[in-house]
Every structure is written in C-alpha cells, then in structure tokens.
Amino acid sequence: MAGRSRSGDRDNVTVSFGAKFARSDQFKTVFREGMALVEAAATYLDGDGRKEARKLRPPHSLAYATESMRLTTRLMQLASWLLIRRAVSEGELTPEQAVEEQRKIKLPVTSGDQPARELGVLPQRLRELIEQSVKLQERVIRLDHMLDYNQLPLEGEADHPLEMQLSRLRAAFGPEAE
C-alpha cells in the first residue's frame, strides 16, 4: 500500500509499504522458504515420490496423481508471486507491471484446491509437502492482501480524488472500466 505524508505544503512523500516490505528480511525469509519448498517438492516428485506412486493401487494412485498436480500448481503460483514481488523490489518491474503480471496468478484457495479426503492414504512425505504448501499459500495470501498493488495509484494520479478510484477500476477490470 502507499501512503501520502504531508509536512506543511512543502512536500509530498509517498511511502510504499509493499516496496519496503519486499526489501525486508521478513520477505527474504518467505522468499527463501518458498523457493526451498518448490525445490524440495520437485526433488521428491521426481525421485522417491515417483517410486512411492508406483506402489499405490487405484483409487489411491489417482489421489496421488491429483494431489501431486495440485501441489505443483500451488507451488508454481506461489513461486510466481514471490518472483514478481522480488522483481519489483529490485526495480525489474514497476508496481503497475506487477499488477498486470499478478492477474495471471490464482492465489486464493478454491474448493477444487483443497486436499482430497484420501490424503491419509498418500505417502507421508507428499502429505508433509502439501501441508507446508497450504501453510505457505495462506501466508502469501495474507501478505498479498496487506501489500495489495491494486491499491497503488499510478504515477501522477493520486492528486485527484477520483483518480484513485479510477485506478482501482482499471486494475480490476482493465481500461474499458472508464
């Protein structure tokens, strides 16, 4: 989020909490944890997970395939979010470009993204990775709401009271919202 601070009529200073957070040690920790989880899941699914999956019989083999796909999809969405935030903090993307990129990411957990009831029959390591990924997703969703780039005014637009609302409409619905 961005805030505007005035000290007299001399200066306007916009402080972007999102940009500051993305450079923080807390974000770096979340980033490292997220990327380590992506790596751990890939290593498992390509190695031991593949061996464990061969031992399963239907319908458990179907549950394994479904949950491993959900895990992979969830982790790719999370990695994309983390990489976009890092790119903004490093000046590789503007907040406006980040908004556009983040429209492609589906972070909220939907009912189809909830782990299956058969989770208990799946290999222990897969269950652990699923649990870790869901916790990371919940954390990232909270951060995403806190850092909502859709709330940022485009450069020069914050001076007019209606421009902030128009900016939000543009971010939500595209240019045809005007």
C-alpha atoms as a PDB file:
ATOM      1  CA  MET A   1       0.000   0.000   0.000  1.00  0.00           C
ATOM      2  CA  ALA A   2       1.087   3.523  -0.485  1.00  0.00           C
ATOM      3  CA  GLY A   3       0.548   6.352   1.917  1.00  0.00           C
ATOM      4  CA  ARG A   4       0.939  10.053   1.446  1.00  0.00           C
ATOM      5  CA  SER A   5       2.508  12.155   4.154  1.00  0.00           C
ATOM      6  CA  ARG A   6       2.414  15.923   4.172  1.00  0.00           C
ATOM      7  CA  SER A   7       4.559  18.193   6.225  1.00  0.00           C
ATOM      8  CA  GLY A   8       3.090  21.565   5.511  1.00  0.00           C
ATOM      9  CA  ASP A   9       2.545  22.364   1.859  1.00  0.00           C
ATOM     10  CA  ARG A  10       6.240  21.920   1.033  1.00  0.00           C
ATOM     11  CA  ASP A  11       6.447  18.279   0.072  1.00  0.00           C
ATOM     12  CA  ASN A  12       4.515  15.140  -0.704  1.00  0.00           C
ATOM     13  CA  VAL A  13       6.215  11.889   0.130  1.00  0.00           C
ATOM     14  CA  THR A  14       4.724   8.608  -0.996  1.00  0.00           C
ATOM     15  CA  VAL A  15       5.786   5.664   1.088  1.00  0.00           C
ATOM     16  CA  SER A  16       5.162   2.242  -0.439  1.00  0.00           C
ATOM     17  CA  PHE A  17       4.776  -0.350   2.265  1.00  0.00           C
ATOM     18  CA  GLY A  18       4.864  -3.083  -0.386  1.00  0.00           C
ATOM     19  CA  ALA A  19       8.179  -1.925  -1.812  1.00  0.00           C
ATOM     20  CA  LYS A  20       9.682  -1.551   1.650  1.00  0.00           C
ATOM     21  CA  PHE A  21       8.446  -4.977   2.712  1.00  0.00           C
ATOM     22  CA  ALA A  22       9.812  -6.654  -0.421  1.00  0.00           C
ATOM     23  CA  ARG A  23      13.293  -5.445   0.581  1.00  0.00           C
ATOM     24  CA  SER A  24      12.894  -6.587   4.189  1.00  0.00           C
ATOM     25  CA  ASP A  25      14.481  -9.563   5.906  1.00  0.00           C
ATOM     26  CA  GLN A  26      10.983 -10.941   6.543  1.00  0.00           C
ATOM     27  CA  PHE A  27      10.231 -11.055   2.808  1.00  0.00           C
ATOM     28  CA  LYS A  28      13.641 -12.576   2.082  1.00  0.00           C
ATOM     29  CA  THR A  29      12.858 -15.310   4.600  1.00  0.00           C
ATOM     30  CA  VAL A  30       9.465 -16.034   2.994  1.00  0.00           C
ATOM     31  CA  PHE A  31      11.128 -15.993  -0.437  1.00  0.00           C
ATOM     32  CA  ARG A  32      13.847 -18.472   0.624  1.00  0.00           C
ATOM     33  CA  GLU A  33      11.309 -20.744   2.326  1.00  0.00           C
ATOM     34  CA  GLY A  34       9.050 -20.692  -0.714  1.00  0.00           C
ATOM     35  CA  MET A  35      11.810 -21.458  -3.182  1.00  0.00           C
ATOM     36  CA  ALA A  36      13.211 -24.190  -0.898  1.00  0.00           C
ATOM     37  CA  LEU A  37       9.755 -25.762  -0.767  1.00  0.00           C
ATOM     38  CA  VAL A  38       9.487 -25.681  -4.570  1.00  0.00           C
ATOM     39  CA  GLU A  39      12.875 -27.393  -4.810  1.00  0.00           C
ATOM     40  CA  ALA A  40      12.012 -29.985  -2.154  1.00  0.00           C
ATOM     41  CA  ALA A  41       8.737 -30.851  -3.883  1.00  0.00           C
ATOM     42  CA  ALA A  42      10.408 -31.164  -7.286  1.00  0.00           C
ATOM     43  CA  THR A  43      13.124 -33.416  -5.854  1.00  0.00           C
ATOM     44  CA  TYR A  44      10.567 -35.593  -4.096  1.00  0.00           C
ATOM     45  CA  LEU A  45       8.160 -35.880  -7.030  1.00  0.00           C
ATOM     46  CA  ASP A  46      10.963 -36.732  -9.465  1.00  0.00           C
ATOM     47  CA  GLY A  47      12.604 -39.236  -7.106  1.00  0.00           C
ATOM     48  CA  ASP A  48      11.131 -41.000  -4.104  1.00  0.00           C
ATOM     49  CA  GLY A  49       7.624 -39.789  -4.890  1.00  0.00           C
ATOM     50  CA  ARG A  50       7.672 -41.470  -8.269  1.00  0.00           C
ATOM     51  CA  LYS A  51       8.724 -44.766  -6.637  1.00  0.00           C
ATOM     52  CA  GLU A  52       6.068 -44.454  -3.933  1.00  0.00           C
ATOM     53  CA  ALA A  53       3.379 -43.651  -6.507  1.00  0.00           C
ATOM     54  CA  ARG A  54       4.088 -46.890  -8.404  1.00  0.00           C
ATOM     55  CA  LYS A  55       3.260 -48.874  -5.269  1.00  0.00           C
ATOM     56  CA  LEU A  56      -0.224 -47.368  -4.972  1.00  0.00           C
ATOM     57  CA  ARG A  57      -3.320 -49.035  -6.437  1.00  0.00           C
ATOM     58  CA  PRO A  58      -6.492 -47.341  -7.655  1.00  0.00           C
ATOM     59  CA  PRO A  59      -8.132 -45.223  -6.285  1.00  0.00           C
ATOM     60  CA  HIS A  60      -5.086 -44.241  -4.213  1.00  0.00           C
ATOM     61  CA  SER A  61      -2.920 -43.858  -7.311  1.00  0.00           C
ATOM     62  CA  LEU A  62      -5.485 -41.399  -8.687  1.00  0.00           C
ATOM     63  CA  ALA A  63      -5.450 -39.486  -5.394  1.00  0.00           C
ATOM     64  CA  TYR A  64      -1.637 -39.329  -5.589  1.00  0.00           C
ATOM     65  CA  ALA A  65      -1.722 -38.028  -9.160  1.00  0.00           C
ATOM     66  CA  THR A  66      -4.381 -35.450  -8.304  1.00  0.00           C
ATOM     67  CA  GLU A  67      -2.648 -34.215  -5.180  1.00  0.00           C
ATOM     68  CA  SER A  68       0.791 -34.051  -6.779  1.00  0.00           C
ATOM     69  CA  MET A  69      -0.679 -31.938  -9.610  1.00  0.00           C
ATOM     70  CA  ARG A  70      -2.408 -29.645  -7.111  1.00  0.00           C
ATOM     71  CA  LEU A  71       0.819 -29.354  -5.132  1.00  0.00           C
ATOM     72  CA  THR A  72       2.804 -28.487  -8.248  1.00  0.00           C
ATOM     73  CA  THR A  73       0.242 -25.930  -9.399  1.00  0.00           C
ATOM     74  CA  ARG A  74       0.023 -24.326  -5.951  1.00  0.00           C
ATOM     75  CA  LEU A  75       3.807 -24.068  -5.683  1.00  0.00           C
ATOM     76  CA  MET A  76       4.174 -22.577  -9.180  1.00  0.00           C
ATOM     77  CA  GLN A  77       1.594 -19.908  -8.328  1.00  0.00           C
ATOM     78  CA  LEU A  78       3.403 -19.130  -5.074  1.00  0.00           C
ATOM     79  CA  ALA A  79       6.805 -19.019  -6.773  1.00  0.00           C
ATOM     80  CA  SER A  80       5.397 -16.644  -9.401  1.00  0.00           C
ATOM     81  CA  TRP A  81       4.031 -14.341  -6.692  1.00  0.00           C
ATOM     82  CA  LEU A  82       7.357 -14.336  -4.853  1.00  0.00           C
ATOM     83  CA  LEU A  83       9.353 -13.693  -8.016  1.00  0.00           C
ATOM     84  CA  ILE A  84       7.085 -10.808  -9.043  1.00  0.00           C
ATOM     85  CA  ARG A  85       7.427  -9.169  -5.626  1.00  0.00           C
ATOM     86  CA  ARG A  86      11.189  -9.598  -5.705  1.00  0.00           C
ATOM     87  CA  ALA A  87      11.349  -8.158  -9.243  1.00  0.00           C
ATOM     88  CA  VAL A  88       9.527  -5.032  -8.056  1.00  0.00           C
ATOM     89  CA  SER A  89      11.867  -4.589  -5.106  1.00  0.00           C
ATOM     90  CA  GLU A  90      14.882  -4.941  -7.397  1.00  0.00           C
ATOM     91  CA  GLY A  91      13.494  -2.441  -9.894  1.00  0.00           C
ATOM     92  CA  GLU A  92      12.981  -5.007 -12.652  1.00  0.00           C
ATOM     93  CA  LEU A  93       9.209  -4.377 -12.667  1.00  0.00           C
ATOM     94  CA  THR A  94       7.166  -1.331 -11.773  1.00  0.00           C
ATOM     95  CA  PRO A  95       4.240  -1.810  -9.374  1.00  0.00           C
ATOM     96  CA  GLU A  96       1.925  -1.278 -12.351  1.00  0.00           C
ATOM     97  CA  GLN A  97       3.651  -4.068 -14.310  1.00  0.00           C
ATOM     98  CA  ALA A  98       3.424  -6.270 -11.226  1.00  0.00           C
ATOM     99  CA  VAL A  99      -0.354  -5.737 -11.075  1.00  0.00           C
ATOM    100  CA  GLU A 100      -0.600  -6.885 -14.682  1.00  0.00           C
ATOM    101  CA  GLU A 101       1.564  -9.946 -14.034  1.00  0.00           C
ATOM    102  CA  GLN A 102      -0.278 -10.844 -10.843  1.00  0.00           C
ATOM    103  CA  ARG A 103      -3.584 -11.020 -12.693  1.00  0.00           C
ATOM    104  CA  LYS A 104      -2.266 -14.292 -14.115  1.00  0.00           C
ATOM    105  CA  ILE A 105      -1.753 -15.776 -10.651  1.00  0.00           C
ATOM    106  CA  LYS A 106      -4.579 -17.532  -8.815  1.00  0.00           C
ATOM    107  CA  LEU A 107      -3.655 -17.440  -5.136  1.00  0.00           C
ATOM    108  CA  PRO A 108      -6.903 -17.884  -3.210  1.00  0.00           C
ATOM    109  CA  VAL A 109      -7.649 -21.422  -2.237  1.00  0.00           C
ATOM    110  CA  THR A 110     -10.722 -22.644  -4.078  1.00  0.00           C
ATOM    111  CA  SER A 111     -12.757 -25.691  -3.167  1.00  0.00           C
ATOM    112  CA  GLY A 112     -11.086 -27.599  -6.017  1.00  0.00           C
ATOM    113  CA  ASP A 113      -7.705 -26.777  -4.490  1.00  0.00           C
ATOM    114  CA  GLN A 114      -8.450 -28.334  -1.105  1.00  0.00           C
ATOM    115  CA  PRO A 115      -6.579 -31.586  -0.420  1.00  0.00           C
ATOM    116  CA  ALA A 116      -8.577 -34.745  -1.081  1.00  0.00           C
ATOM    117  CA  ARG A 117     -10.204 -36.790   1.663  1.00  0.00           C
ATOM    118  CA  GLU A 118      -7.908 -39.677   0.734  1.00  0.00           C
ATOM    119  CA  LEU A 119      -4.925 -37.673   1.988  1.00  0.00           C
ATOM    120  CA  GLY A 120      -4.309 -40.194   4.776  1.00  0.00           C
ATOM    121  CA  VAL A 121      -3.523 -42.979   2.295  1.00  0.00           C
ATOM    122  CA  LEU A 122      -0.888 -40.937   0.489  1.00  0.00           C
ATOM    123  CA  PRO A 123       2.829 -41.220   1.268  1.00  0.00           C
ATOM    124  CA  GLN A 124       3.898 -39.293   4.371  1.00  0.00           C
ATOM    125  CA  ARG A 125       6.352 -37.037   2.508  1.00  0.00           C
ATOM    126  CA  LEU A 126       3.705 -35.961  -0.015  1.00  0.00           C
ATOM    127  CA  ARG A 127       1.316 -35.145   2.831  1.00  0.00           C
ATOM    128  CA  GLU A 128       4.019 -33.056   4.515  1.00  0.00           C
ATOM    129  CA  LEU A 129       4.731 -31.136   1.307  1.00  0.00           C
ATOM    130  CA  ILE A 130       1.021 -30.498   0.773  1.00  0.00           C
ATOM    131  CA  GLU A 131       0.631 -29.230   4.332  1.00  0.00           C
ATOM    132  CA  GLN A 132       3.684 -26.962   4.021  1.00  0.00           C
ATOM    133  CA  SER A 133       2.479 -25.590   0.685  1.00  0.00           C
ATOM    134  CA  VAL A 134      -1.003 -24.824   2.037  1.00  0.00           C
ATOM    135  CA  LYS A 135       0.520 -23.001   5.031  1.00  0.00           C
ATOM    136  CA  LEU A 136       2.811 -21.025   2.718  1.00  0.00           C
ATOM    137  CA  GLN A 137      -0.141 -20.217   0.483  1.00  0.00           C
ATOM    138  CA  GLU A 138      -2.153 -18.905   3.443  1.00  0.00           C
ATOM    139  CA  ARG A 139       0.808 -16.759   4.488  1.00  0.00           C
ATOM    140  CA  VAL A 140       1.292 -15.398   0.974  1.00  0.00           C
ATOM    141  CA  ILE A 141      -2.413 -14.639   0.631  1.00  0.00           C
ATOM    142  CA  ARG A 142      -2.259 -12.591   3.847  1.00  0.00           C
ATOM    143  CA  LEU A 143       0.829 -10.774   2.559  1.00  0.00           C
ATOM    144  CA  ASP A 144      -0.816 -10.210  -0.813  1.00  0.00           C
ATOM    145  CA  HIS A 145      -3.806  -8.536   0.830  1.00  0.00           C
ATOM    146  CA  MET A 146      -1.509  -6.474   3.007  1.00  0.00           C
ATOM    147  CA  LEU A 147       0.666  -5.386   0.058  1.00  0.00           C
ATOM    148  CA  ASP A 148      -2.127  -5.064  -2.490  1.00  0.00           C
ATOM    149  CA  TYR A 149      -0.565  -3.349  -5.513  1.00  0.00           C
ATOM    150  CA  ASN A 150      -4.052  -2.716  -6.860  1.00  0.00           C
ATOM    151  CA  GLN A 151      -4.317  -0.038  -4.189  1.00  0.00           C
ATOM    152  CA  LEU A 152      -1.350   1.892  -5.561  1.00  0.00           C
ATOM    153  CA  PRO A 153      -2.164   4.957  -7.600  1.00  0.00           C
ATOM    154  CA  LEU A 154      -0.465   5.218 -10.942  1.00  0.00           C
ATOM    155  CA  GLU A 155       2.173   7.904 -11.112  1.00  0.00           C
ATOM    156  CA  GLY A 156       0.581  11.362 -11.075  1.00  0.00           C
ATOM    157  CA  GLU A 157      -2.941  10.055 -10.438  1.00  0.00           C
ATOM    158  CA  ALA A 158      -3.062  10.442  -6.665  1.00  0.00           C
ATOM    159  CA  ASP A 159      -3.507  14.194  -6.900  1.00  0.00           C
ATOM    160  CA  HIS A 160      -7.171  13.994  -7.918  1.00  0.00           C
ATOM    161  CA  PRO A 161      -9.624  12.281  -5.534  1.00  0.00           C
ATOM    162  CA  LEU A 162     -11.416  10.355  -8.297  1.00  0.00           C
ATOM    163  CA  GLU A 163      -8.228   9.134  -9.914  1.00  0.00           C
ATOM    164  CA  MET A 164      -7.558   6.657  -7.111  1.00  0.00           C
ATOM    165  CA  GLN A 165     -10.990   5.098  -7.664  1.00  0.00           C
ATOM    166  CA  LEU A 166     -10.489   5.048 -11.436  1.00  0.00           C
ATOM    167  CA  SER A 167      -7.097   3.453 -10.920  1.00  0.00           C
ATOM    168  CA  ARG A 168      -8.687   0.696  -8.858  1.00  0.00           C
ATOM    169  CA  LEU A 169     -11.338   0.131 -11.519  1.00  0.00           C
ATOM    170  CA  ARG A 170      -8.667  -0.041 -14.227  1.00  0.00           C
ATOM    171  CA  ALA A 171      -6.681  -2.519 -12.154  1.00  0.00           C
ATOM    172  CA  ALA A 172      -9.738  -4.696 -11.583  1.00  0.00           C
ATOM    173  CA  PHE A 173     -11.425  -4.505 -14.979  1.00  0.00           C
ATOM    174  CA  GLY A 174      -8.911  -3.131 -17.428  1.00  0.00           C
ATOM    175  CA  PRO A 175      -9.042   0.110 -19.436  1.00  0.00           C
ATOM    176  CA  GLU A 176     -12.649  -0.466 -20.530  1.00  0.00           C
ATOM    177  CA  ALA A 177     -13.765   0.298 -16.941  1.00  0.00           C
ATOM    178  CA  GLU A 178     -13.732   4.045 -17.692  1.00  0.00           C
END
